């Protein structure tokens, strides 16, 4: 008779243990689904891009996820900032000139579109690219021939009458 009671007691213990485990699992599952998780910084940045731009710019699609939010902040503060010292047209002409010298076909395409949207004429864009080519040309001449930098600075200072 003592064996039957131990067996019955063991079954009850097992049943209670299973019920407790089920209850704990249910609470864990319910707490995980009941409240929404905070989005990661990358997810929050993507949501903001989609809201502002209707999509995610290509360069940020391929950005490392760990740095995407920072990349988006940089893009907003530089590319979409209306309170800069340089007007948008000038910034885009500089971007076009640099893009032509890097060279970057993606950047050239973008900066042509952005410069036109900012009011740049075909002639202004040509001049910006030409100025970039002159800078590259004369830099190549001076640097490649190892012209003395201090002598060069003296000559430039004299030309502009600056100290």
Protein backbone atom coordinates (compact mmCIF):
# COMPACT_ATOMS: atom_id res chain seq x y z
CA UNK A 1 0.00 0.00 0.00
CA UNK A 2 2.90 2.34 0.70
CA UNK A 3 4.16 1.81 -2.88
CA UNK A 4 0.85 2.86 -4.38
CA UNK A 5 0.83 6.09 -2.41
CA UNK A 6 4.39 6.96 -3.50
CA UNK A 7 3.49 6.23 -7.10
CA UNK A 8 0.40 8.38 -6.84
CA UNK A 9 2.38 11.14 -5.13
CA UNK A 10 5.02 11.03 -7.91
CA UNK A 11 2.32 11.33 -10.58
CA UNK A 12 0.83 14.33 -8.81
CA UNK A 13 4.25 15.92 -8.47
CA UNK A 14 4.91 15.38 -12.16
CA UNK A 15 1.50 16.80 -13.11
CA UNK A 16 2.04 19.91 -10.95
CA UNK A 17 5.54 20.35 -12.42
CA UNK A 18 4.17 20.17 -15.97
CA UNK A 19 1.46 22.70 -15.13
CA UNK A 20 3.99 25.08 -13.56
CA UNK A 21 6.29 24.79 -16.61
CA UNK A 22 3.35 25.39 -18.95
CA UNK A 23 2.32 28.45 -16.96
CA UNK A 24 5.85 29.87 -16.97
CA UNK A 25 6.21 29.23 -20.72
CA UNK A 26 2.83 30.87 -21.30
CA UNK A 27 3.87 33.96 -19.32
CA UNK A 28 7.15 34.22 -21.21
CA UNK A 29 5.38 33.86 -24.56
CA UNK A 30 2.65 36.34 -23.60
CA UNK A 31 5.13 38.94 -22.37
CA UNK A 32 7.14 38.66 -25.59
CA UNK A 33 4.14 39.13 -27.85
CA UNK A 34 2.07 41.50 -25.76
CA UNK A 35 4.46 44.44 -25.97
CA UNK A 36 6.11 45.52 -29.18
CA UNK A 37 9.89 45.54 -29.22
CA UNK A 38 11.68 48.82 -29.78
CA UNK A 39 13.00 49.07 -33.34
CA UNK A 40 16.76 48.94 -33.78
CA UNK A 41 18.42 52.23 -34.78
CA UNK A 42 18.75 50.84 -38.32
CA UNK A 43 15.04 49.92 -38.46
CA UNK A 44 14.06 53.35 -37.13
CA UNK A 45 16.26 55.05 -39.75
CA UNK A 46 14.73 52.95 -42.55
CA UNK A 47 11.22 53.85 -41.36
CA UNK A 48 12.13 57.55 -41.36
CA UNK A 49 13.70 57.31 -44.84
CA UNK A 50 10.59 55.66 -46.23
CA UNK A 51 8.41 58.35 -44.65
CA UNK A 52 10.58 61.26 -45.89
CA UNK A 53 11.71 59.92 -49.25
CA UNK A 54 9.26 57.16 -50.13
CA UNK A 55 12.07 54.59 -50.02
CA UNK A 56 15.62 53.90 -48.91
CA UNK A 57 18.45 55.51 -50.93
CA UNK A 58 20.67 52.96 -52.66
CA UNK A 59 23.78 53.98 -50.76
CA UNK A 60 22.03 53.37 -47.45
CA UNK A 61 20.58 50.06 -48.63
CA UNK A 62 24.11 48.70 -48.89
CA UNK A 63 25.42 50.52 -45.79
CA UNK A 64 26.42 48.25 -42.89
CA UNK A 65 23.38 47.76 -40.67
CA UNK A 66 25.42 48.71 -37.61
CA UNK A 67 26.21 52.13 -39.14
CA UNK A 68 23.04 52.79 -41.16
CA UNK A 69 21.41 55.11 -38.60
CA UNK A 70 24.60 57.20 -38.40
CA UNK A 71 24.83 57.30 -42.21
CA UNK A 72 21.23 58.50 -42.41
CA UNK A 73 21.92 61.23 -39.82
CA UNK A 74 24.94 62.35 -41.85
CA UNK A 75 22.87 62.43 -45.05
CA UNK A 76 20.09 64.44 -43.40
CA UNK A 77 22.45 66.96 -41.81
CA UNK A 78 24.47 67.49 -44.99
CA UNK A 79 22.28 66.77 -48.01
CA UNK A 80 18.87 67.86 -46.71
CA UNK A 81 19.95 70.74 -44.50
CA UNK A 82 18.60 74.09 -45.71
CA UNK A 83 20.66 76.07 -43.16
CA UNK A 84 24.15 75.74 -44.63
CA UNK A 85 26.66 78.44 -45.55
CA UNK A 86 26.74 77.26 -49.17
CA UNK A 87 23.56 77.36 -51.22
CA UNK A 88 22.31 74.03 -52.54
CA UNK A 89 23.33 74.82 -56.12
CA UNK A 90 26.94 75.53 -55.09
CA UNK A 91 27.11 72.37 -52.97
CA UNK A 92 25.83 70.28 -55.88
CA UNK A 93 28.29 71.87 -58.32
CA UNK A 94 31.12 71.04 -55.91
CA UNK A 95 29.74 67.51 -55.61
CA UNK A 96 29.67 67.18 -59.39
CA UNK A 97 33.24 68.46 -59.75
CA UNK A 98 34.58 66.09 -57.10
CA UNK A 99 32.55 63.19 -58.51
CA UNK A 100 34.05 63.74 -61.94
CA UNK A 101 37.56 63.57 -60.48
CA UNK A 102 37.12 60.57 -58.19
CA UNK A 103 35.62 59.28 -60.69
CA UNK A 104 32.23 57.97 -59.58
CA UNK A 105 29.52 57.39 -62.18
CA UNK A 106 26.83 57.08 -59.50
CA UNK A 107 27.86 60.38 -57.93
CA UNK A 108 28.10 62.19 -61.27
CA UNK A 109 24.61 61.02 -62.20
CA UNK A 110 23.18 62.10 -58.84
CA UNK A 111 24.93 65.49 -58.72
CA UNK A 112 23.88 66.38 -62.27
CA UNK A 113 20.24 65.72 -61.33
CA UNK A 114 20.59 67.52 -57.98
CA UNK A 115 22.45 70.51 -59.51
CA UNK A 116 19.76 70.93 -62.17
CA UNK A 117 17.05 70.68 -59.51
CA UNK A 118 18.89 73.38 -57.54
CA UNK A 119 18.89 75.66 -60.60
CA UNK A 120 22.34 75.05 -62.10
CA UNK A 121 22.66 75.62 -65.83
CA UNK A 122 24.50 73.34 -68.26
CA UNK A 123 27.27 75.96 -68.50
CA UNK A 124 27.67 76.14 -64.72
CA UNK A 125 27.97 72.36 -64.55
CA UNK A 126 30.54 72.34 -67.38
CA UNK A 127 32.52 75.05 -65.62
CA UNK A 128 32.50 73.16 -62.31
CA UNK A 129 33.80 70.01 -64.01
CA UNK A 130 36.38 72.07 -65.90
CA UNK A 131 37.57 73.70 -62.67
CA UNK A 132 38.00 70.25 -61.14
CA UNK A 133 40.06 69.18 -64.15
CA UNK A 134 42.28 72.27 -63.84
CA UNK A 135 42.89 71.54 -60.17
CA UNK A 136 43.81 67.95 -61.00
CA UNK A 137 45.99 69.08 -63.94
CA UNK A 138 48.04 71.70 -62.07
CA UNK A 139 48.30 69.51 -58.99
CA UNK A 140 49.73 66.74 -61.16
CA UNK A 141 52.27 69.12 -62.70
CA UNK A 142 53.44 70.55 -59.37
CA UNK A 143 53.32 67.35 -57.32
CA UNK A 144 54.73 65.11 -60.02
CA UNK A 145 57.69 67.45 -60.51
CA UNK A 146 58.14 67.78 -56.73
CA UNK A 147 57.98 71.58 -56.82
CA UNK A 148 59.01 72.92 -53.41
CA UNK A 149 55.86 73.61 -51.35
CA UNK A 150 57.38 76.46 -49.34
CA UNK A 151 58.54 78.21 -52.53
CA UNK A 152 55.05 77.73 -53.97
CA UNK A 153 53.41 79.21 -50.84
CA UNK A 154 55.70 82.23 -51.05
CA UNK A 155 54.73 82.78 -54.69
CA UNK A 156 51.00 82.42 -53.98
CA UNK A 157 51.19 84.73 -50.95
CA UNK A 158 52.94 87.35 -53.08
CA UNK A 159 50.28 87.02 -55.79
CA UNK A 160 47.50 87.56 -53.24
CA UNK A 161 49.56 89.92 -51.06
CA UNK A 162 48.84 87.86 -47.95
CA UNK A 163 51.16 86.84 -45.11
